[in-house]
C-alpha atoms as a PDB file:
ATOM      1  CA  GLY A   1      11.371   6.025   2.832  1.00  0.00           C
ATOM      2  CA  HIS A   2      10.157   7.210   6.199  1.00  0.00           C
ATOM      3  CA  ILE A   3       7.665   9.865   5.156  1.00  0.00           C
ATOM      4  CA  LEU A   4       4.163   8.469   5.586  1.00  0.00           C
ATOM      5  CA  GLU A   5       4.350   8.291   9.406  1.00  0.00           C
ATOM      6  CA  HIS A   6       4.593  12.103   9.416  1.00  0.00           C
ATOM      7  CA  PHE A   7       0.959  12.402   8.287  1.00  0.00           C
ATOM      8  CA  HIS A   8      -2.142  11.877  10.393  1.00  0.00           C
ATOM      9  CA  GLU A   9      -4.318   8.890   9.472  1.00  0.00           C
ATOM     10  CA  ARG A  10      -7.008  11.269   8.201  1.00  0.00           C
ATOM     11  CA  GLU A  11      -4.490  12.883   5.807  1.00  0.00           C
ATOM     12  CA  LEU A  12      -3.152   9.507   4.699  1.00  0.00           C
ATOM     13  CA  LYS A  13      -6.532   8.025   3.901  1.00  0.00           C
ATOM     14  CA  GLY A  14      -8.140  11.203   2.569  1.00  0.00           C
ATOM     15  CA  HIS A  15      -5.299  12.690   0.526  1.00  0.00           C
ATOM     16  CA  ILE A  16      -1.856  11.047   0.507  1.00  0.00           C
ATOM     17  CA  LEU A  17      -2.658   7.438  -0.409  1.00  0.00           C
ATOM     18  CA  PRO A  18      -5.295   8.469  -3.005  1.00  0.00           C
ATOM     19  CA  MET A  19      -2.766  10.903  -4.528  1.00  0.00           C
ATOM     20  CA  LEU A  20      -0.093   8.194  -4.725  1.00  0.00           C
ATOM     21  CA  HIS A  21      -2.653   5.865  -6.293  1.00  0.00           C
ATOM     22  CA  LYS A  22      -3.581   8.496  -8.879  1.00  0.00           C
ATOM     23  CA  CYS A  23       0.069   9.240  -9.755  1.00  0.00           C
ATOM     24  CA  LEU A  24       0.940   5.606 -10.497  1.00  0.00           C
ATOM     25  CA  GLN A  25       0.149   3.927 -13.773  1.00  0.00           C
ATOM     26  CA  ASP A  26      -2.019   0.803 -13.635  1.00  0.00           C
ATOM     27  CA  GLY A  27       0.166  -1.937 -12.198  1.00  0.00           C
ATOM     28  CA  GLY A  28       2.663   0.623 -10.840  1.00  0.00           C
ATOM     29  CA  LEU A  29       4.659  -0.357  -7.753  1.00  0.00           C
ATOM     30  CA  LEU A  30       4.719   1.644  -4.526  1.00  0.00           C
ATOM     31  CA  ASP A  31       7.607   0.986  -2.100  1.00  0.00           C
ATOM     32  CA  ILE A  32       6.994   2.066   1.479  1.00  0.00           C
ATOM     33  CA  ILE A  33       9.151   2.033   4.587  1.00  0.00           C
ATOM     34  CA  VAL A  34       7.581   3.122   7.884  1.00  0.00           C
ATOM     35  CA  PRO A  35       8.410   2.523  11.569  1.00  0.00           C
ATOM     36  CA  ASN A  36       6.745  -0.566  13.017  1.00  0.00           C
ATOM     37  CA  PHE A  37       4.533   0.260  16.016  1.00  0.00           C
ATOM     38  CA  VAL A  38       4.468  -3.433  16.977  1.00  0.00           C
ATOM     39  CA  TRP A  39       8.264  -3.335  17.397  1.00  0.00           C
ATOM     40  CA  HIS A  40       7.955  -0.190  19.545  1.00  0.00           C
ATOM     41  CA  SER A  41       5.420  -1.981  21.736  1.00  0.00           C
ATOM     42  CA  GLN A  42       7.782  -4.914  22.169  1.00  0.00           C
ATOM     43  CA  LEU A  43      10.501  -2.520  23.310  1.00  0.00           C
ATOM     44  CA  VAL A  44       8.185  -1.266  26.065  1.00  0.00           C
ATOM     45  CA  LEU A  45       7.412  -4.833  27.137  1.00  0.00           C
ATOM     46  CA  GLN A  46      11.169  -5.469  27.344  1.00  0.00           C
ATOM     47  CA  GLY A  47      11.648  -2.434  29.592  1.00  0.00           C
ATOM     48  CA  ASN A  48      13.164  -0.151  26.931  1.00  0.00           C
ATOM     49  CA  ASP A  49      10.543   2.562  27.381  1.00  0.00           C
ATOM     50  CA  GLU A  50      12.751   5.540  26.485  1.00  0.00           C
ATOM     51  CA  MET A  51      13.974   3.971  23.256  1.00  0.00           C
ATOM     52  CA  ALA A  52      10.420   2.912  22.330  1.00  0.00           C
ATOM     53  CA  VAL A  53       8.992   6.403  22.820  1.00  0.00           C
ATOM     54  CA  LYS A  54      11.872   8.060  20.973  1.00  0.00           C
ATOM     55  CA  TYR A  55      11.524   5.815  17.921  1.00  0.00           C
ATOM     56  CA  CYS A  56       7.721   5.785  18.013  1.00  0.00           C
ATOM     57  CA  PHE A  57       7.099   9.516  18.213  1.00  0.00           C
ATOM     58  CA  GLY A  58      10.265  10.893  16.629  1.00  0.00           C
ATOM     59  CA  ARG A  59      13.523  11.978  18.156  1.00  0.00           C
ATOM     60  CA  GLY A  60      12.805  15.702  18.057  1.00  0.00           C
ATOM     61  CA  LEU A  61      15.941  16.588  16.108  1.00  0.00           C
ATOM     62  CA  ASP A  62      14.059  19.485  14.513  1.00  0.00           C
ATOM     63  CA  GLU A  63      10.525  20.841  14.238  1.00  0.00           C
ATOM     64  CA  TYR A  64       9.578  18.170  11.661  1.00  0.00           C
ATOM     65  CA  ASP A  65      11.009  15.121  13.465  1.00  0.00           C
ATOM     66  CA  PHE A  66       7.812  13.754  14.959  1.00  0.00           C
ATOM     67  CA  HIS A  67       5.331  11.092  13.909  1.00  0.00           C
ATOM     68  CA  LYS A  68       1.582  11.536  13.604  1.00  0.00           C
ATOM     69  CA  THR A  69       0.617   7.949  12.769  1.00  0.00           C
ATOM     70  CA  GLY A  70       1.643   4.558  14.072  1.00  0.00           C
ATOM     71  CA  TRP A  71       1.854   1.836  11.439  1.00  0.00           C
ATOM     72  CA  THR A  72       1.466  -1.896  11.979  1.00  0.00           C
ATOM     73  CA  PRO A  73       1.578  -4.574   9.283  1.00  0.00           C
ATOM     74  CA  LYS A  74      -2.176  -5.147   9.718  1.00  0.00           C
ATOM     75  CA  LEU A  75      -2.994  -1.426   9.379  1.00  0.00           C
ATOM     76  CA  ALA A  76      -0.667  -1.074   6.375  1.00  0.00           C
ATOM     77  CA  ILE A  77      -2.514  -3.843   4.526  1.00  0.00           C
ATOM     78  CA  LYS A  78      -5.912  -2.373   5.466  1.00  0.00           C
ATOM     79  CA  TRP A  79      -5.109   1.217   4.472  1.00  0.00           C
ATOM     80  CA  LEU A  80      -3.383   0.286   1.209  1.00  0.00           C
ATOM     81  CA  THR A  81      -6.148  -2.127   0.199  1.00  0.00           C
ATOM     82  CA  GLU A  82      -8.766   0.539   0.908  1.00  0.00           C
ATOM     83  CA  ALA A  83      -6.773   2.966  -1.277  1.00  0.00           C
ATOM     84  CA  GLY A  84      -6.836   0.575  -4.259  1.00  0.00           C
ATOM     85  CA  PHE A  85      -3.507  -1.223  -3.896  1.00  0.00           C
ATOM     86  CA  VAL A  86      -2.647  -4.907  -3.708  1.00  0.00           C
ATOM     87  CA  VAL A  87       0.047  -5.624  -1.124  1.00  0.00           C
ATOM     88  CA  GLU A  88       2.582  -7.897  -2.810  1.00  0.00           C
ATOM     89  CA  SER A  89       5.018  -8.213   0.064  1.00  0.00           C
ATOM     90  CA  ILE A  90       5.356  -7.008   3.607  1.00  0.00           C
ATOM     91  CA  ASP A  91       8.331  -7.589   5.885  1.00  0.00           C
ATOM     92  CA  ALA A  92       8.420  -6.293   9.418  1.00  0.00           C
ATOM     93  CA  ASP A  93      11.233  -5.728  11.876  1.00  0.00           C
ATOM     94  CA  SER A  94      11.895  -2.346  13.484  1.00  0.00           C
ATOM     95  CA  CYS A  95      10.424  -0.976  10.255  1.00  0.00           C
ATOM     96  CA  ILE A  96       7.769  -2.256   7.893  1.00  0.00           C
ATOM     97  CA  TYR A  97       8.875  -2.727   4.287  1.00  0.00           C
ATOM     98  CA  ILE A  98       5.923  -2.850   1.909  1.00  0.00           C
ATOM     99  CA  LYS A  99       5.594  -3.376  -1.820  1.00  0.00           C
ATOM    100  CA  ALA A 100       2.107  -2.530  -3.052  1.00  0.00           C
ATOM    101  CA  ARG A 101       0.884  -2.497  -6.629  1.00  0.00           C
ATOM    102  CA  LYS A 102      -1.881  -0.313  -8.060  1.00  0.00           C
ATOM    103  CA  LYS A 103      -4.777  -2.533  -9.064  1.00  0.00           C
ATOM    104  CA  VAL A 104      -5.292  -2.861 -12.784  1.00  0.00           C
END
């Protein structure tokens, strides 16, 4: 969980998602959990700006605790489909939970 948001979109689309696709057998299942940028946006609209920014960009607990990419359910489906996956399920709350299968 919570790894893919630490890569820039260029890295995700050019290297990470293709590598994950290559590593899985045909029909293999990829489970993803990423922060939901839509939820962060709703926090701002509710007046919880500090919490939204902290969760959106990382809490800064160490040099690696920052996010380079914001994920939304719509972007998750787009990026995974472009990488050769079929999104089987997607649930969104503060995080997006995705099950995507490598196309056969």
